[in-house]
Amino acid sequence: STVLSAGADETLRLWKCFVLDPAK
């Protein structure tokens, strides 16, 4: 469900990209 991105700005970011649709 979640993607972690590591940037050259020295940050880690978590993105809820692929959460399963509750209706589905």
PDB file of all heavy atoms in Angstrom:
ATOM      1  N   SER A   1       0.794  -1.227   0.000  1.00  0.00           N
ATOM      2  CA  SER A   1       0.000   0.000   0.000  1.00  0.00           C
ATOM      3  C   SER A   1       0.828   1.279   0.000  1.00  0.00           C
ATOM      4  O   SER A   1       0.390   2.299  -0.504  1.00  0.00           O
ATOM      5  CB  SER A   1      -0.934   0.018   1.209  1.00  0.00           C
ATOM      6  OG  SER A   1      -0.180   0.123   2.416  1.00  0.00           O
ATOM      7  N   THR A   2       2.022   1.227   0.561  1.00  0.00           N
ATOM      8  CA  THR A   2       2.812   2.434   0.791  1.00  0.00           C
ATOM      9  C   THR A   2       4.149   2.350   0.072  1.00  0.00           C
ATOM     10  O   THR A   2       4.809   1.316   0.079  1.00  0.00           O
ATOM     11  CB  THR A   2       3.057   2.626   2.306  1.00  0.00           C
ATOM     12  OG1 THR A   2       1.790   2.635   2.979  1.00  0.00           O
ATOM     13  CG2 THR A   2       3.786   3.913   2.608  1.00  0.00           C
ATOM     14  N   VAL A   3       4.541   3.477  -0.537  1.00  0.00           N
ATOM     15  CA  VAL A   3       5.843   3.591  -1.189  1.00  0.00           C
ATOM     16  C   VAL A   3       6.708   4.521  -0.348  1.00  0.00           C
ATOM     17  O   VAL A   3       6.246   5.575   0.106  1.00  0.00           O
ATOM     18  CB  VAL A   3       5.700   4.151  -2.620  1.00  0.00           C
ATOM     19  CG1 VAL A   3       7.049   4.457  -3.238  1.00  0.00           C
ATOM     20  CG2 VAL A   3       4.926   3.169  -3.490  1.00  0.00           C
ATOM     21  N   LEU A   4       7.951   4.127  -0.132  1.00  0.00           N
ATOM     22  CA  LEU A   4       8.928   4.979   0.529  1.00  0.00           C
ATOM     23  C   LEU A   4       9.848   5.534  -0.549  1.00  0.00           C
ATOM     24  O   LEU A   4      10.313   4.787  -1.404  1.00  0.00           O
ATOM     25  CB  LEU A   4       9.742   4.173   1.545  1.00  0.00           C
ATOM     26  CG  LEU A   4      10.831   4.986   2.243  1.00  0.00           C
ATOM     27  CD1 LEU A   4      10.742   4.820   3.740  1.00  0.00           C
ATOM     28  CD2 LEU A   4      12.190   4.616   1.726  1.00  0.00           C
ATOM     29  N   SER A   5      10.068   6.849  -0.521  1.00  0.00           N
ATOM     30  CA  SER A   5      11.023   7.456  -1.451  1.00  0.00           C
ATOM     31  C   SER A   5      12.152   8.078  -0.652  1.00  0.00           C
ATOM     32  O   SER A   5      11.927   8.708   0.375  1.00  0.00           O
ATOM     33  CB  SER A   5      10.342   8.501  -2.337  1.00  0.00           C
ATOM     34  OG  SER A   5       9.790   9.544  -1.575  1.00  0.00           O
ATOM     35  N   ALA A   6      13.364   7.872  -1.126  1.00  0.00           N
ATOM     36  CA  ALA A   6      14.553   8.473  -0.531  1.00  0.00           C
ATOM     37  C   ALA A   6      15.060   9.513  -1.512  1.00  0.00           C
ATOM     38  O   ALA A   6      15.238   9.219  -2.701  1.00  0.00           O
ATOM     39  CB  ALA A   6      15.621   7.411  -0.284  1.00  0.00           C
ATOM     40  N   GLY A   7      15.262  10.734  -1.028  1.00  0.00           N
ATOM     41  CA  GLY A   7      15.676  11.810  -1.908  1.00  0.00           C
ATOM     42  C   GLY A   7      17.086  12.285  -1.635  1.00  0.00           C
ATOM     43  O   GLY A   7      17.629  12.096  -0.546  1.00  0.00           O
ATOM     44  N   ALA A   8      17.666  12.947  -2.630  1.00  0.00           N
ATOM     45  CA  ALA A   8      18.985  13.557  -2.475  1.00  0.00           C
ATOM     46  C   ALA A   8      18.924  14.745  -1.517  1.00  0.00           C
ATOM     47  O   ALA A   8      19.957  15.244  -1.086  1.00  0.00           O
ATOM     48  CB  ALA A   8      19.522  13.999  -3.833  1.00  0.00           C
ATOM     49  N   ASP A   9      17.721  15.157  -1.144  1.00  0.00           N
ATOM     50  CA  ASP A   9      17.546  16.215  -0.140  1.00  0.00           C
ATOM     51  C   ASP A   9      17.647  15.654   1.279  1.00  0.00           C
ATOM     52  O   ASP A   9      17.359  16.336   2.242  1.00  0.00           O
ATOM     53  CB  ASP A   9      16.207  16.935  -0.341  1.00  0.00           C
ATOM     54  CG  ASP A   9      15.008  15.999  -0.291  1.00  0.00           C
ATOM     55  OD1 ASP A   9      15.179  14.789  -0.029  1.00  0.00           O
ATOM     56  OD2 ASP A   9      13.881  16.478  -0.538  1.00  0.00           O
ATOM     57  N   GLU A  10      18.069  14.378   1.379  1.00  0.00           N
ATOM     58  CA  GLU A  10      18.273  13.679   2.644  1.00  0.00           C
ATOM     59  C   GLU A  10      16.980  13.493   3.431  1.00  0.00           C
ATOM     60  O   GLU A  10      16.963  13.510   4.661  1.00  0.00           O
ATOM     61  CB  GLU A  10      19.349  14.373   3.490  1.00  0.00           C
ATOM     62  CG  GLU A  10      20.693  14.410   2.794  1.00  0.00           C
ATOM     63  CD  GLU A  10      21.793  15.042   3.622  1.00  0.00           C
ATOM     64  OE1 GLU A  10      21.541  15.459   4.773  1.00  0.00           O
ATOM     65  OE2 GLU A  10      22.922  15.113   3.101  1.00  0.00           O
ATOM     66  N   THR A  11      15.868  13.297   2.705  1.00  0.00           N
ATOM     67  CA  THR A  11      14.596  13.003   3.358  1.00  0.00           C
ATOM     68  C   THR A  11      14.063  11.665   2.872  1.00  0.00           C
ATOM     69  O   THR A  11      14.343  11.242   1.746  1.00  0.00           O
ATOM     70  CB  THR A  11      13.528  14.083   3.085  1.00  0.00           C
ATOM     71  OG1 THR A  11      13.213  14.085   1.686  1.00  0.00           O
ATOM     72  CG2 THR A  11      13.976  15.452   3.540  1.00  0.00           C
ATOM     73  N   LEU A  12      13.324  11.010   3.738  1.00  0.00           N
ATOM     74  CA  LEU A  12      12.550   9.823   3.402  1.00  0.00           C
ATOM     75  C   LEU A  12      11.093  10.233   3.472  1.00  0.00           C
ATOM     76  O   LEU A  12      10.678  10.884   4.435  1.00  0.00           O
ATOM     77  CB  LEU A  12      12.808   8.683   4.395  1.00  0.00           C
ATOM     78  CG  LEU A  12      14.241   8.170   4.490  1.00  0.00           C
ATOM     79  CD1 LEU A  12      14.347   7.129   5.599  1.00  0.00           C
ATOM     80  CD2 LEU A  12      14.685   7.579   3.163  1.00  0.00           C
ATOM     81  N   ARG A  13      10.327   9.862   2.470  1.00  0.00           N
ATOM     82  CA  ARG A  13       8.911  10.221   2.460  1.00  0.00           C
ATOM     83  C   ARG A  13       8.084   8.962   2.235  1.00  0.00           C
ATOM     84  O   ARG A  13       8.445   8.108   1.430  1.00  0.00           O
ATOM     85  CB  ARG A  13       8.621  11.249   1.379  1.00  0.00           C
ATOM     86  CG  ARG A  13       9.331  12.568   1.650  1.00  0.00           C
ATOM     87  CD  ARG A  13       9.023  13.621   0.620  1.00  0.00           C
ATOM     88  NE  ARG A  13       9.787  14.822   0.880  1.00  0.00           N
ATOM     89  CZ  ARG A  13       9.372  15.846   1.637  1.00  0.00           C
ATOM     90  NH1 ARG A  13       8.195  15.806   2.206  1.00  0.00           N
ATOM     91  NH2 ARG A  13      10.147  16.896   1.813  1.00  0.00           N
ATOM     92  N   LEU A  14       6.981   8.866   2.969  1.00  0.00           N
ATOM     93  CA  LEU A  14       6.050   7.747   2.829  1.00  0.00           C
ATOM     94  C   LEU A  14       4.814   8.241   2.093  1.00  0.00           C
ATOM     95  O   LEU A  14       4.243   9.277   2.449  1.00  0.00           O
ATOM     96  CB  LEU A  14       5.665   7.193   4.203  1.00  0.00           C
ATOM     97  CG  LEU A  14       6.817   6.583   4.998  1.00  0.00           C
ATOM     98  CD1 LEU A  14       6.402   6.309   6.424  1.00  0.00           C
ATOM     99  CD2 LEU A  14       7.296   5.303   4.323  1.00  0.00           C
ATOM    100  N   TRP A  15       4.401   7.466   1.101  1.00  0.00           N
ATOM    101  CA  TRP A  15       3.265   7.830   0.255  1.00  0.00           C
ATOM    102  C   TRP A  15       2.274   6.681   0.247  1.00  0.00           C
ATOM    103  O   TRP A  15       2.616   5.568  -0.135  1.00  0.00           O
ATOM    104  CB  TRP A  15       3.731   8.100  -1.174  1.00  0.00           C
ATOM    105  CG  TRP A  15       4.909   9.015  -1.307  1.00  0.00           C
ATOM    106  CD1 TRP A  15       6.233   8.675  -1.279  1.00  0.00           C
ATOM    107  CD2 TRP A  15       4.877  10.434  -1.500  1.00  0.00           C
ATOM    108  NE1 TRP A  15       7.016   9.787  -1.447  1.00  0.00           N
ATOM    109  CE2 TRP A  15       6.209  10.884  -1.590  1.00  0.00           C
ATOM    110  CE3 TRP A  15       3.852  11.376  -1.624  1.00  0.00           C
ATOM    111  CZ2 TRP A  15       6.552  12.211  -1.789  1.00  0.00           C
ATOM    112  CZ3 TRP A  15       4.189  12.704  -1.821  1.00  0.00           C
ATOM    113  CH2 TRP A  15       5.517  13.117  -1.902  1.00  0.00           C
ATOM    114  N   LYS A  16       1.033   6.928   0.657  1.00  0.00           N
ATOM    115  CA  LYS A  16      -0.035   5.923   0.594  1.00  0.00           C
ATOM    116  C   LYS A  16      -0.568   5.914  -0.839  1.00  0.00           C
ATOM    117  O   LYS A  16      -1.514   6.610  -1.161  1.00  0.00           O
ATOM    118  CB  LYS A  16      -1.160   6.262   1.575  1.00  0.00           C
ATOM    119  CG  LYS A  16      -0.810   6.019   3.013  1.00  0.00           C
ATOM    120  CD  LYS A  16      -0.962   4.567   3.316  1.00  0.00           C
ATOM    121  CE  LYS A  16      -0.898   4.343   4.806  1.00  0.00           C
ATOM    122  NZ  LYS A  16      -0.862   2.931   5.115  1.00  0.00           N
ATOM    123  N   CYS A  17       0.066   5.127  -1.685  1.00  0.00           N
ATOM    124  CA  CYS A  17      -0.230   5.153  -3.122  1.00  0.00           C
ATOM    125  C   CYS A  17      -1.207   4.080  -3.571  1.00  0.00           C
ATOM    126  O   CYS A  17      -2.016   4.315  -4.463  1.00  0.00           O
ATOM    127  CB  CYS A  17       1.060   4.948  -3.913  1.00  0.00           C
ATOM    128  SG  CYS A  17       2.282   6.199  -3.644  1.00  0.00           S
ATOM    129  N   PHE A  18      -1.110   2.909  -2.998  1.00  0.00           N
ATOM    130  CA  PHE A  18      -1.810   1.761  -3.542  1.00  0.00           C
ATOM    131  C   PHE A  18      -2.714   1.089  -2.516  1.00  0.00           C
ATOM    132  O   PHE A  18      -2.832  -0.126  -2.482  1.00  0.00           O
ATOM    133  CB  PHE A  18      -0.799   0.753  -4.098  1.00  0.00           C
ATOM    134  CG  PHE A  18       0.132   1.330  -5.124  1.00  0.00           C
ATOM    135  CD1 PHE A  18       1.508   1.309  -4.927  1.00  0.00           C
ATOM    136  CD2 PHE A  18      -0.357   1.907  -6.283  1.00  0.00           C
ATOM    137  CE1 PHE A  18       2.371   1.831  -5.882  1.00  0.00           C
ATOM    138  CE2 PHE A  18       0.496   2.436  -7.232  1.00  0.00           C
ATOM    139  CZ  PHE A  18       1.858   2.403  -7.032  1.00  0.00           C
ATOM    140  N   VAL A  19      -3.389   1.887  -1.693  1.00  0.00           N
ATOM    141  CA  VAL A  19      -4.300   1.351  -0.686  1.00  0.00           C
ATOM    142  C   VAL A  19      -5.502   0.758  -1.411  1.00  0.00           C
ATOM    143  O   VAL A  19      -6.066   1.380  -2.313  1.00  0.00           O
ATOM    144  CB  VAL A  19      -4.750   2.463   0.290  1.00  0.00           C
ATOM    145  CG1 VAL A  19      -5.757   1.926   1.295  1.00  0.00           C
ATOM    146  CG2 VAL A  19      -3.544   3.053   0.991  1.00  0.00           C
ATOM    147  N   LEU A  20      -5.871  -0.439  -1.018  1.00  0.00           N
ATOM    148  CA  LEU A  20      -7.002  -1.121  -1.639  1.00  0.00           C
ATOM    149  C   LEU A  20      -8.288  -0.366  -1.334  1.00  0.00           C
ATOM    150  O   LEU A  20      -8.553  -0.005  -0.187  1.00  0.00           O
ATOM    151  CB  LEU A  20      -7.087  -2.566  -1.135  1.00  0.00           C
ATOM    152  CG  LEU A  20      -8.087  -3.476  -1.829  1.00  0.00           C
ATOM    153  CD1 LEU A  20      -7.778  -3.591  -3.322  1.00  0.00           C
ATOM    154  CD2 LEU A  20      -8.081  -4.847  -1.203  1.00  0.00           C
ATOM    155  N   ASP A  21      -9.081  -0.108  -2.359  1.00  0.00           N
ATOM    156  CA  ASP A  21     -10.367   0.572  -2.225  1.00  0.00           C
ATOM    157  C   ASP A  21     -11.270  -0.258  -1.301  1.00  0.00           C
ATOM    158  O   ASP A  21     -11.484  -1.444  -1.561  1.00  0.00           O
ATOM    159  CB  ASP A  21     -10.990   0.725  -3.615  1.00  0.00           C
ATOM    160  CG  ASP A  21     -12.350   1.375  -3.608  1.00  0.00           C
ATOM    161  OD1 ASP A  21     -12.792   1.861  -2.552  1.00  0.00           O
ATOM    162  OD2 ASP A  21     -12.978   1.408  -4.681  1.00  0.00           O
ATOM    163  N   PRO A  22     -11.807   0.330  -0.207  1.00  0.00           N
ATOM    164  CA  PRO A  22     -12.641  -0.433   0.737  1.00  0.00           C
ATOM    165  C   PRO A  22     -13.841  -1.107   0.064  1.00  0.00           C
ATOM    166  O   PRO A  22     -14.204  -2.222   0.425  1.00  0.00           O
ATOM    167  CB  PRO A  22     -13.102   0.613   1.753  1.00  0.00           C
ATOM    168  CG  PRO A  22     -12.137   1.733   1.634  1.00  0.00           C
ATOM    169  CD  PRO A  22     -11.631   1.711   0.226  1.00  0.00           C
ATOM    170  N   ALA A  23     -14.455  -0.459  -0.914  1.00  0.00           N
ATOM    171  CA  ALA A  23     -15.602  -1.067  -1.611  1.00  0.00           C
ATOM    172  C   ALA A  23     -15.164  -2.306  -2.380  1.00  0.00           C
ATOM    173  O   ALA A  23     -15.856  -3.324  -2.389  1.00  0.00           O
ATOM    174  CB  ALA A  23     -16.233  -0.051  -2.565  1.00  0.00           C
ATOM    175  N   LYS A  24     -14.001  -2.233  -3.002  1.00  0.00           N
ATOM    176  CA  LYS A  24     -13.466  -3.373  -3.746  1.00  0.00           C
ATOM    177  C   LYS A  24     -13.120  -4.511  -2.787  1.00  0.00           C
ATOM    178  O   LYS A  24     -13.383  -5.672  -3.058  1.00  0.00           O
ATOM    179  CB  LYS A  24     -12.224  -2.937  -4.527  1.00  0.00           C
ATOM    180  CG  LYS A  24     -11.708  -3.959  -5.496  1.00  0.00           C
ATOM    181  CD  LYS A  24     -10.458  -3.436  -6.171  1.00  0.00           C
ATOM    182  CE  LYS A  24     -10.613  -3.466  -7.659  1.00  0.00           C
ATOM    183  NZ  LYS A  24      -9.382  -3.076  -8.353  1.00  0.00           N
TER     184      LYS A  24
END
